[in-house]
Amino acid sequence: MEKETDHEESIKLSEAQDYKGWSPEEVALYVIQHIPIPQKEQRIKIICDTFRQKNMNGERLQQISKSEWDEFITRDVAHYFTLPPAEHQRGVNHPVVNTIIDIHSKLFDCRSGIWFTALQFFKRMHSYDAVYNDEEGIWCHDRGGRPYFNPGSWRRYGFYPQLEGETKEQVDEIMSTWHVAYHGTKFINVNSIVQYGLVPPDTEVGGVKIVNQRGKAGTIGSKIPVYVSPSILYASHWCYTQPHIEKDTYIYCVFQVRVRPGSFRVQGNTLWSGGWPDKSVIYDERFGPDELEWLVEDASDLRVTGLMVRKSKVNPEQFFKDLYAKHKKQTETPRGTGKGVWKWNSSPADGKTLDPNGPFSDYEEKTNAKLEKAYMNWQAVCYLGNVETDTGINPYFVDFNKMEQIRCNNHKLRRVIKREVVK
């Protein structure tokens, strides 16, 4: 085991500088770090043997191509052992497979100074790394009574949010019960946040006072809060992130955070007119326009759990102009007429829950009002929170495109829904 530790230390140096020239053992250890499963020694041997068998440019990684890497992982390594069940079921893509395949891209990212800083100041958790895709469709997990939707087209570098003196059990509690949100920032600010976390403006860290760069919308008194959003799309607006340009590629950086329940105030879209002309127009189809910003005044109520990265060839200003135009055109047409009453298929869980002929039951009044508001706002989904069915009380969300109520976290129990107009 001591030998493994030495290898892990050498891998950290490789990440900070350059991955080229890695030995089969170093490649194996790096891959294994992304698979949180036992029998490490056996799996290292399998990868090393496969690596040597394929020769891979003379037993050194060198400049292995993306296609060579994908073939190495999916056809050769995965052939020898079964990947573990996904922690979260996310559509058709297996998150562990995606994460491992994505290592090749991450190796290139590690050559940038931003990742060197992250490795220095954060406890990197490779098992928290993830690759998300729009192709997975919309999935939703419940985190402390609020939704965590598929980020889509982002890569996450995971961090372990443990403070000095905290136990693993306390951190596990944070990860399972605190809400998920995002904080977009300029590329130049990433290193500071990595070192000191998210803190309110005017706080002094490392001998430097944090300057307010976001205005004071919704501020009560003189203390300016930290602004986060449940929407990664909102947090990544170009005015917050000012994406880094590398050749013809724009690189967005957004921090994923956990927020203590009950520690923040909620407000709507506060972008200036040049960033989003009409605040009533839906911004993110997963959230209402009145719930896009959370204001957190106490830094202890926030934990950074990941650095989200997205790359795009599209000019950021043009991207959001096009997004606004699309949503503006959509909302100009009424989605429904009259006053809607929403119903859900109340068949037993092992019955015909997707039968459009029912039987149906009405949602309770508060939930009906929430659904109607979201539907008329042109949201694609609506998080319901806890709903009582024959299987007990569990969190659900509604997908308006499919007209289904879907159970959060496992997504297996689905029920058809319908809207009836009251005459």
Protein backbone atom coordinates (compact mmCIF):
# COMPACT_ATOMS: atom_id res chain seq x y z
CA MET A 1 0.00 0.00 0.00
CA GLU A 2 2.95 2.33 0.60
CA LYS A 3 3.91 1.90 -3.02
CA GLU A 4 0.41 2.98 -4.08
CA THR A 5 0.70 6.16 -2.02
CA ASP A 6 3.96 7.01 -3.77
CA HIS A 7 2.26 6.55 -7.13
CA GLU A 8 -0.65 8.75 -6.06
CA GLU A 9 1.74 11.53 -5.10
CA SER A 10 3.45 11.31 -8.49
CA ILE A 11 0.07 11.49 -10.20
CA LYS A 12 -0.74 14.71 -8.37
CA LEU A 13 2.47 16.20 -9.72
CA SER A 14 1.54 15.02 -13.20
CA GLU A 15 -1.87 16.65 -12.90
CA ALA A 16 -0.29 19.92 -11.89
CA GLN A 17 2.16 19.96 -14.78
CA ASP A 18 1.76 17.52 -17.64
CA TYR A 19 0.21 14.07 -17.97
CA LYS A 20 2.46 12.95 -20.81
CA GLY A 21 4.92 10.22 -19.97
CA TRP A 22 2.72 8.47 -17.40
CA SER A 23 3.50 4.83 -16.72
CA PRO A 24 0.80 2.13 -16.93
CA GLU A 25 0.59 2.14 -13.12
CA GLU A 26 -0.03 5.89 -13.02
CA VAL A 27 -2.74 5.64 -15.66
CA ALA A 28 -4.34 2.76 -13.76
CA LEU A 29 -4.33 4.62 -10.44
CA TYR A 30 -5.85 7.70 -12.03
CA VAL A 31 -8.65 5.66 -13.60
CA ILE A 32 -9.25 3.77 -10.35
CA GLN A 33 -9.65 7.06 -8.46
CA HIS A 34 -12.75 7.65 -10.58
CA ILE A 35 -14.32 4.30 -9.76
CA PRO A 36 -15.37 4.31 -6.06
CA ILE A 37 -15.38 0.53 -5.70
CA PRO A 38 -13.27 -2.03 -3.79
CA GLN A 39 -10.59 -4.45 -5.02
CA LYS A 40 -8.30 -1.63 -6.10
CA GLU A 41 -5.20 -3.83 -6.46
CA GLN A 42 -6.96 -6.27 -8.79
CA ARG A 43 -8.35 -3.51 -10.98
CA ILE A 44 -4.97 -1.75 -11.18
CA LYS A 45 -3.45 -5.01 -12.41
CA ILE A 46 -6.19 -5.44 -15.03
CA ILE A 47 -5.69 -1.92 -16.40
CA CYS A 48 -1.91 -2.22 -16.40
CA ASP A 49 -2.02 -5.57 -18.20
CA THR A 50 -4.47 -4.18 -20.76
CA PHE A 51 -2.38 -1.04 -21.21
CA ARG A 52 0.77 -3.08 -21.86
CA GLN A 53 -1.06 -5.51 -24.13
CA LYS A 54 -2.33 -2.62 -26.26
CA ASN A 55 1.21 -1.17 -26.02
CA MET A 56 -0.24 2.39 -26.09
CA ASN A 57 2.73 4.02 -27.79
CA GLY A 58 5.39 2.05 -25.97
CA GLU A 59 3.98 1.77 -22.43
CA ARG A 60 3.83 5.53 -21.95
CA LEU A 61 0.71 7.61 -22.37
CA GLN A 62 2.33 10.24 -24.61
CA GLN A 63 -0.28 11.87 -26.87
CA ILE A 64 -3.00 9.24 -26.89
CA SER A 65 -5.96 10.36 -28.98
CA LYS A 66 -9.51 10.69 -27.71
CA SER A 67 -10.67 7.75 -29.83
CA GLU A 68 -7.79 5.56 -28.58
CA TRP A 69 -8.65 6.45 -25.00
CA ASP A 70 -12.36 5.68 -25.44
CA GLU A 71 -11.53 2.33 -27.00
CA PHE A 72 -9.06 1.56 -24.21
CA ILE A 73 -11.64 2.21 -21.49
CA THR A 74 -14.86 0.91 -23.02
CA ARG A 75 -13.59 -2.07 -25.00
CA ASP A 76 -10.55 -3.23 -23.08
CA VAL A 77 -10.74 -2.20 -19.41
CA ALA A 78 -14.51 -2.40 -18.91
CA HIS A 79 -14.47 -5.84 -20.52
CA TYR A 80 -12.70 -7.31 -17.50
CA PHE A 81 -15.00 -6.12 -14.75
CA THR A 82 -18.55 -4.92 -14.25
CA LEU A 83 -18.98 -1.25 -13.51
CA PRO A 84 -20.83 -0.52 -10.26
CA PRO A 85 -24.49 0.49 -10.27
CA ALA A 86 -24.87 4.22 -10.86
CA GLU A 87 -25.30 6.21 -7.67
CA HIS A 88 -27.96 8.22 -9.50
CA GLN A 89 -29.91 6.86 -12.42
CA ARG A 90 -29.57 9.52 -15.07
CA GLY A 91 -31.39 8.66 -18.22
CA VAL A 92 -29.68 6.39 -20.74
CA ASN A 93 -26.09 7.40 -19.90
CA HIS A 94 -24.22 5.64 -17.14
CA PRO A 95 -22.51 8.36 -15.06
CA VAL A 96 -19.54 6.17 -14.14
CA VAL A 97 -18.89 5.25 -17.76
CA ASN A 98 -19.19 8.89 -18.81
CA THR A 99 -16.87 10.02 -16.05
CA ILE A 100 -14.17 7.50 -16.90
CA ILE A 101 -14.33 8.21 -20.62
CA ASP A 102 -14.08 11.91 -19.81
CA ILE A 103 -10.73 11.43 -18.07
CA HIS A 104 -8.95 12.09 -21.34
CA SER A 105 -10.44 15.59 -21.51
CA LYS A 106 -9.71 16.16 -17.85
CA LEU A 107 -6.06 15.30 -18.37
CA PHE A 108 -5.82 18.16 -20.83
CA ASP A 109 -7.62 20.47 -18.39
CA CYS A 110 -5.13 19.56 -15.68
CA ARG A 111 -2.39 21.27 -17.66
CA SER A 112 -3.96 24.64 -16.83
CA GLY A 113 -2.99 26.52 -13.68
CA ILE A 114 -6.57 26.61 -12.46
CA TRP A 115 -6.54 22.88 -11.78
CA PHE A 116 -3.19 23.07 -10.03
CA THR A 117 -4.72 25.50 -7.55
CA ALA A 118 -7.75 23.28 -7.06
CA LEU A 119 -5.52 20.32 -6.30
CA GLN A 120 -3.54 22.38 -3.78
CA PHE A 121 -6.35 23.88 -1.76
CA PHE A 122 -9.30 21.52 -2.02
CA LYS A 123 -9.62 17.91 -1.02
CA ARG A 124 -10.36 16.55 -4.48
CA MET A 125 -12.96 13.81 -4.53
CA HIS A 126 -12.75 11.94 -7.81
CA SER A 127 -15.82 9.94 -6.88
CA TYR A 128 -17.75 13.24 -6.98
CA ASP A 129 -16.60 13.92 -10.54
CA ALA A 130 -19.34 13.63 -13.12
CA VAL A 131 -20.15 14.23 -16.76
CA TYR A 132 -23.63 15.45 -17.62
CA ASN A 133 -25.37 15.52 -20.98
CA ASP A 134 -28.45 17.17 -22.40
CA GLU A 135 -29.18 13.84 -24.09
CA GLU A 136 -29.94 12.33 -20.68
CA GLY A 137 -33.16 14.29 -20.64
CA ILE A 138 -34.55 15.87 -17.50
CA TRP A 139 -33.98 14.06 -14.25
CA CYS A 140 -34.47 15.43 -10.76
CA HIS A 141 -33.19 14.57 -7.31
CA ASP A 142 -34.60 15.89 -4.08
CA ARG A 143 -32.05 17.68 -1.90
CA GLY A 144 -33.47 18.88 1.38
CA GLY A 145 -36.89 19.59 -0.10
CA ARG A 146 -35.69 21.43 -3.20
CA PRO A 147 -34.92 20.14 -6.70
CA TYR A 148 -31.57 19.30 -8.21
CA PHE A 149 -32.09 18.97 -11.97
CA ASN A 150 -29.74 17.59 -14.61
CA PRO A 151 -27.20 20.39 -15.29
CA GLY A 152 -26.75 19.21 -18.87
CA SER A 153 -23.50 19.58 -20.91
CA TRP A 154 -21.30 20.33 -17.90
CA ARG A 155 -18.37 18.50 -16.35
CA ARG A 156 -17.94 18.52 -12.57
CA TYR A 157 -14.68 18.35 -10.66
CA GLY A 158 -15.73 17.24 -7.19
CA PHE A 159 -14.49 18.58 -3.85
CA TYR A 160 -15.00 17.20 -0.35
CA PRO A 161 -16.56 20.01 1.72
CA GLN A 162 -15.12 19.11 5.11
CA LEU A 163 -14.05 21.83 7.51
CA GLU A 164 -11.50 21.34 10.26
CA GLY A 165 -13.02 19.49 13.19
CA GLU A 166 -15.96 18.06 11.27
CA THR A 167 -16.67 14.35 11.14
CA LYS A 168 -17.45 12.34 8.03
CA GLU A 169 -20.99 11.88 9.36
CA GLN A 170 -21.48 15.66 9.52
CA VAL A 171 -20.27 16.06 5.93
CA ASP A 172 -22.54 13.21 4.78
CA GLU A 173 -25.46 15.05 6.40
CA ILE A 174 -24.60 18.21 4.46
CA MET A 175 -24.39 16.31 1.19
CA SER A 176 -27.71 14.57 1.70
CA THR A 177 -29.83 17.35 3.20
CA TRP A 178 -28.47 20.73 2.04
CA HIS A 179 -29.81 22.20 -1.21
CA VAL A 180 -27.83 22.27 -4.47
CA ALA A 181 -27.15 25.65 -6.06
CA TYR A 182 -24.60 27.37 -8.31
CA HIS A 183 -22.41 30.47 -8.26
CA GLY A 184 -21.05 31.76 -11.55
CA THR A 185 -17.81 33.67 -11.49
CA LYS A 186 -15.17 35.16 -13.74
CA PHE A 187 -12.34 32.82 -14.69
CA ILE A 188 -9.89 35.07 -12.88
CA ASN A 189 -11.74 34.63 -9.55
CA VAL A 190 -11.68 30.84 -9.49
CA ASN A 191 -8.37 30.49 -7.64
CA SER A 192 -9.53 32.82 -4.85
CA ILE A 193 -12.79 30.93 -4.33
CA VAL A 194 -10.94 27.63 -4.38
CA GLN A 195 -8.65 28.85 -1.60
CA TYR A 196 -11.11 30.68 0.62
CA GLY A 197 -14.58 29.53 -0.39
CA LEU A 198 -17.55 31.78 -1.15
CA VAL A 199 -17.73 34.75 1.18
CA PRO A 200 -19.83 37.96 1.10
CA PRO A 201 -18.33 41.12 -0.42
CA ASP A 202 -16.26 43.32 1.91
CA THR A 203 -14.97 40.20 3.71
CA GLU A 204 -11.20 40.20 4.04
CA VAL A 205 -9.48 36.94 3.07
CA GLY A 206 -5.77 36.40 2.61
CA GLY A 207 -5.16 40.07 3.33
CA VAL A 208 -7.43 41.16 0.47
CA LYS A 209 -10.94 42.61 0.74
CA ILE A 210 -13.46 40.93 -1.55
CA VAL A 211 -14.96 43.50 -3.91
CA ASN A 212 -18.65 43.45 -4.80
CA GLN A 213 -19.07 42.62 -8.51
CA ARG A 214 -22.80 41.84 -8.64
CA GLY A 215 -24.68 44.89 -7.43
CA LYS A 216 -27.00 44.95 -4.42
CA ALA A 217 -30.34 43.66 -5.70
CA GLY A 218 -32.48 42.53 -2.79
CA THR A 219 -29.98 43.60 -0.16
CA ILE A 220 -31.39 44.37 3.29
CA GLY A 221 -29.26 46.81 5.24
CA SER A 222 -25.58 47.32 4.50
CA LYS A 223 -24.47 43.70 4.31
CA ILE A 224 -24.22 42.39 0.76
CA PRO A 225 -25.04 38.69 0.45
CA VAL A 226 -23.54 35.94 -1.67
CA TYR A 227 -25.79 35.32 -4.69
CA VAL A 228 -26.37 31.74 -5.80
CA SER A 229 -28.99 30.15 -8.02
CA PRO A 230 -30.68 26.76 -8.28
CA SER A 231 -30.28 27.21 -12.06
CA ILE A 232 -26.84 26.60 -13.55
CA LEU A 233 -28.11 28.29 -16.71
CA TYR A 234 -28.80 31.49 -14.78
CA ALA A 235 -25.55 31.30 -12.79
CA SER A 236 -23.57 30.93 -16.02
CA HIS A 237 -24.92 34.08 -17.70
CA TRP A 238 -22.04 35.81 -19.43
CA CYS A 239 -22.26 38.90 -17.22
CA TYR A 240 -21.48 36.73 -14.18
CA THR A 241 -18.94 34.38 -15.74
CA GLN A 242 -17.30 36.39 -18.53
CA PRO A 243 -16.07 33.12 -20.07
CA HIS A 244 -12.37 32.60 -20.67
CA ILE A 245 -11.44 32.45 -24.35
CA GLU A 246 -8.97 29.81 -25.51
CA LYS A 247 -8.47 29.95 -29.28
CA ASP A 248 -12.06 29.66 -30.59
CA THR A 249 -13.51 28.11 -27.42
CA TYR A 250 -15.32 29.82 -24.54
CA ILE A 251 -14.77 28.22 -21.13
CA TYR A 252 -17.44 28.76 -18.47
CA CYS A 253 -16.67 28.22 -14.78
CA VAL A 254 -19.45 27.84 -12.21
CA PHE A 255 -19.13 26.57 -8.66
CA GLN A 256 -21.60 24.00 -7.44
CA VAL A 257 -22.44 24.59 -3.80
CA ARG A 258 -24.57 23.19 -1.00
CA VAL A 259 -26.75 25.66 0.86
CA ARG A 260 -28.09 25.18 4.37
CA PRO A 261 -31.91 24.94 4.33
CA GLY A 262 -33.64 28.04 5.67
CA SER A 263 -30.52 30.21 5.47
CA PHE A 264 -31.41 32.29 2.40
CA ARG A 265 -33.99 34.58 0.81
CA VAL A 266 -35.42 33.89 -2.66
CA GLN A 267 -35.97 36.47 -5.36
CA GLY A 268 -36.47 36.54 -9.10
CA ASN A 269 -34.40 37.45 -12.13
CA THR A 270 -32.51 40.72 -11.50
CA LEU A 271 -30.45 40.87 -14.69
CA TRP A 272 -30.37 44.32 -16.24
CA SER A 273 -32.38 44.94 -19.41
CA GLY A 274 -29.39 44.30 -21.67
CA GLY A 275 -28.94 40.85 -20.16
CA TRP A 276 -32.63 39.81 -20.14
CA PRO A 277 -35.05 42.49 -21.38
CA ASP A 278 -38.34 41.14 -20.01
CA LYS A 279 -38.14 39.52 -16.56
CA SER A 280 -41.54 37.85 -17.02
CA VAL A 281 -40.14 35.74 -19.87
CA ILE A 282 -39.08 32.32 -18.63
CA TYR A 283 -35.29 32.12 -18.30
CA ASP A 284 -34.69 28.48 -17.37
CA GLU A 285 -37.52 26.10 -18.24
CA ARG A 286 -36.91 24.20 -15.01
CA PHE A 287 -37.60 27.18 -12.73
CA GLY A 288 -40.06 30.02 -12.46
CA PRO A 289 -38.78 33.56 -13.16
CA ASP A 290 -39.44 34.49 -9.52
CA GLU A 291 -37.13 31.86 -7.95
CA LEU A 292 -33.81 32.28 -9.75
CA GLU A 293 -31.73 33.94 -7.03
CA TRP A 294 -30.94 32.87 -3.47
CA LEU A 295 -29.34 35.47 -1.17
CA VAL A 296 -27.05 33.97 1.48
CA GLU A 297 -25.62 36.35 4.08
CA ASP A 298 -23.58 33.93 6.22
CA ALA A 299 -20.65 32.17 4.52
CA SER A 300 -20.97 29.24 6.96
CA ASP A 301 -24.26 28.37 5.26
CA LEU A 302 -22.42 27.59 2.00
CA ARG A 303 -20.08 24.75 1.01
CA VAL A 304 -18.32 24.47 -2.33
CA THR A 305 -18.68 20.90 -3.61
CA GLY A 306 -17.55 21.14 -7.20
CA LEU A 307 -16.18 23.21 -10.04
CA MET A 308 -18.48 22.97 -13.07
CA VAL A 309 -16.88 23.51 -16.47
CA ARG A 310 -18.51 23.91 -19.87
CA LYS A 311 -16.90 24.64 -23.22
CA SER A 312 -18.68 26.20 -26.17
CA LYS A 313 -17.87 27.56 -29.61
CA VAL A 314 -20.82 29.98 -29.47
CA ASN A 315 -20.26 33.60 -28.48
CA PRO A 316 -21.74 33.94 -24.94
CA GLU A 317 -23.63 37.19 -25.60
CA GLN A 318 -25.16 35.72 -28.75
CA PHE A 319 -26.08 32.51 -26.94
CA PHE A 320 -28.16 34.34 -24.33
CA LYS A 321 -29.68 36.68 -26.91
CA ASP A 322 -30.83 33.64 -28.86
CA LEU A 323 -32.13 32.00 -25.69
CA TYR A 324 -34.18 35.09 -24.85
CA ALA A 325 -35.57 35.33 -28.38
CA LYS A 326 -36.59 31.66 -28.28
CA HIS A 327 -38.35 31.95 -24.93
CA LYS A 328 -39.92 35.30 -25.82
CA LYS A 329 -41.48 33.85 -28.97
CA GLN A 330 -42.66 30.81 -27.04
CA THR A 331 -44.40 32.81 -24.32
CA GLU A 332 -46.20 35.04 -26.80
CA THR A 333 -48.55 32.12 -27.45
CA PRO A 334 -50.83 31.15 -24.54
CA ARG A 335 -50.06 27.62 -23.43
CA GLY A 336 -53.56 26.92 -22.26
CA THR A 337 -56.98 28.46 -21.93
CA GLY A 338 -59.26 28.92 -18.96
CA LYS A 339 -58.57 27.72 -15.43
CA GLY A 340 -56.90 24.33 -15.23
CA VAL A 341 -57.54 21.52 -12.78
CA TRP A 342 -54.68 19.03 -12.63
CA LYS A 343 -55.16 15.31 -12.05
CA TRP A 344 -52.85 12.34 -11.63
CA ASN A 345 -53.31 8.65 -12.40
CA SER A 346 -54.01 7.12 -9.00
CA SER A 347 -53.66 3.45 -9.98
CA PRO A 348 -51.68 1.29 -7.53
CA ALA A 349 -47.91 1.55 -8.00
CA ASP A 350 -47.82 -1.91 -9.57
CA GLY A 351 -50.78 -1.10 -11.79
CA LYS A 352 -51.36 0.86 -15.02
CA THR A 353 -49.98 4.20 -13.81
CA LEU A 354 -49.37 5.38 -17.38
CA ASP A 355 -52.88 4.57 -18.61
CA PRO A 356 -54.37 7.80 -20.04
CA ASN A 357 -57.83 6.50 -19.08
CA GLY A 358 -57.06 6.64 -15.39
CA PRO A 359 -58.40 6.37 -12.76
CA PHE A 360 -57.50 9.95 -11.86
CA SER A 361 -57.41 11.93 -8.64
CA ASP A 362 -57.24 15.69 -8.19
CA TYR A 363 -54.14 17.32 -6.81
CA GLU A 364 -54.69 19.21 -3.60
CA GLU A 365 -55.37 22.92 -4.05
CA LYS A 366 -51.88 24.26 -3.28
CA THR A 367 -50.18 21.79 -5.62
CA ASN A 368 -52.75 22.49 -8.34
CA ALA A 369 -52.00 26.22 -8.14
CA LYS A 370 -48.26 25.51 -8.38
CA LEU A 371 -48.72 23.30 -11.43
CA GLU A 372 -50.99 25.78 -13.18
CA LYS A 373 -48.56 28.65 -12.61
CA ALA A 374 -45.59 26.66 -13.90
CA TYR A 375 -47.51 25.41 -16.92
CA MET A 376 -48.73 28.85 -17.94
CA ASN A 377 -45.17 30.20 -17.47
CA TRP A 378 -44.00 27.70 -20.10
CA GLN A 379 -41.86 25.70 -17.70
CA ALA A 380 -40.84 22.28 -18.96
CA VAL A 381 -40.96 20.80 -15.47
CA CYS A 382 -42.32 21.60 -12.04
CA TYR A 383 -40.93 20.30 -8.76
CA LEU A 384 -43.81 19.26 -6.50
CA GLY A 385 -42.00 18.21 -3.36
CA ASN A 386 -43.64 15.51 -1.25
CA VAL A 387 -46.79 13.92 -2.67
CA GLU A 388 -48.80 11.22 -0.90
CA THR A 389 -49.61 8.14 -3.00
CA ASP A 390 -50.27 4.48 -2.21
CA THR A 391 -46.50 4.00 -1.73
CA GLY A 392 -46.32 6.67 0.96
CA ILE A 393 -45.07 10.26 0.92
CA ASN A 394 -42.26 10.83 -1.54
CA PRO A 395 -40.82 13.73 -3.59
CA TYR A 396 -42.02 14.08 -7.18
CA PHE A 397 -41.68 16.39 -10.14
CA VAL A 398 -43.85 16.84 -13.22
CA ASP A 399 -42.57 16.75 -16.80
CA PHE A 400 -45.02 18.81 -18.87
CA ASN A 401 -43.58 17.60 -22.17
CA LYS A 402 -44.34 14.00 -21.24
CA MET A 403 -47.35 14.93 -19.09
CA GLU A 404 -46.07 12.65 -16.36
CA GLN A 405 -45.51 12.82 -12.62
CA ILE A 406 -42.12 11.25 -11.90
CA ARG A 407 -40.67 10.20 -8.59
CA CYS A 408 -37.45 12.01 -7.73
CA ASN A 409 -34.18 10.17 -7.14
CA ASN A 410 -35.05 6.84 -8.77
CA HIS A 411 -37.43 7.98 -11.55
CA LYS A 412 -38.96 4.51 -11.73
CA LEU A 413 -42.46 5.33 -10.54
CA ARG A 414 -44.17 7.42 -13.19
CA ARG A 415 -47.80 8.43 -13.47
CA VAL A 416 -49.62 10.09 -16.33
CA ILE A 417 -51.19 13.47 -15.53
CA LYS A 418 -53.73 15.64 -17.29
CA ARG A 419 -55.15 19.15 -17.22
CA GLU A 420 -58.85 19.73 -17.42
CA VAL A 421 -60.31 23.16 -18.05
CA VAL A 422 -62.98 24.36 -15.64
CA LYS A 423 -65.88 25.83 -17.59
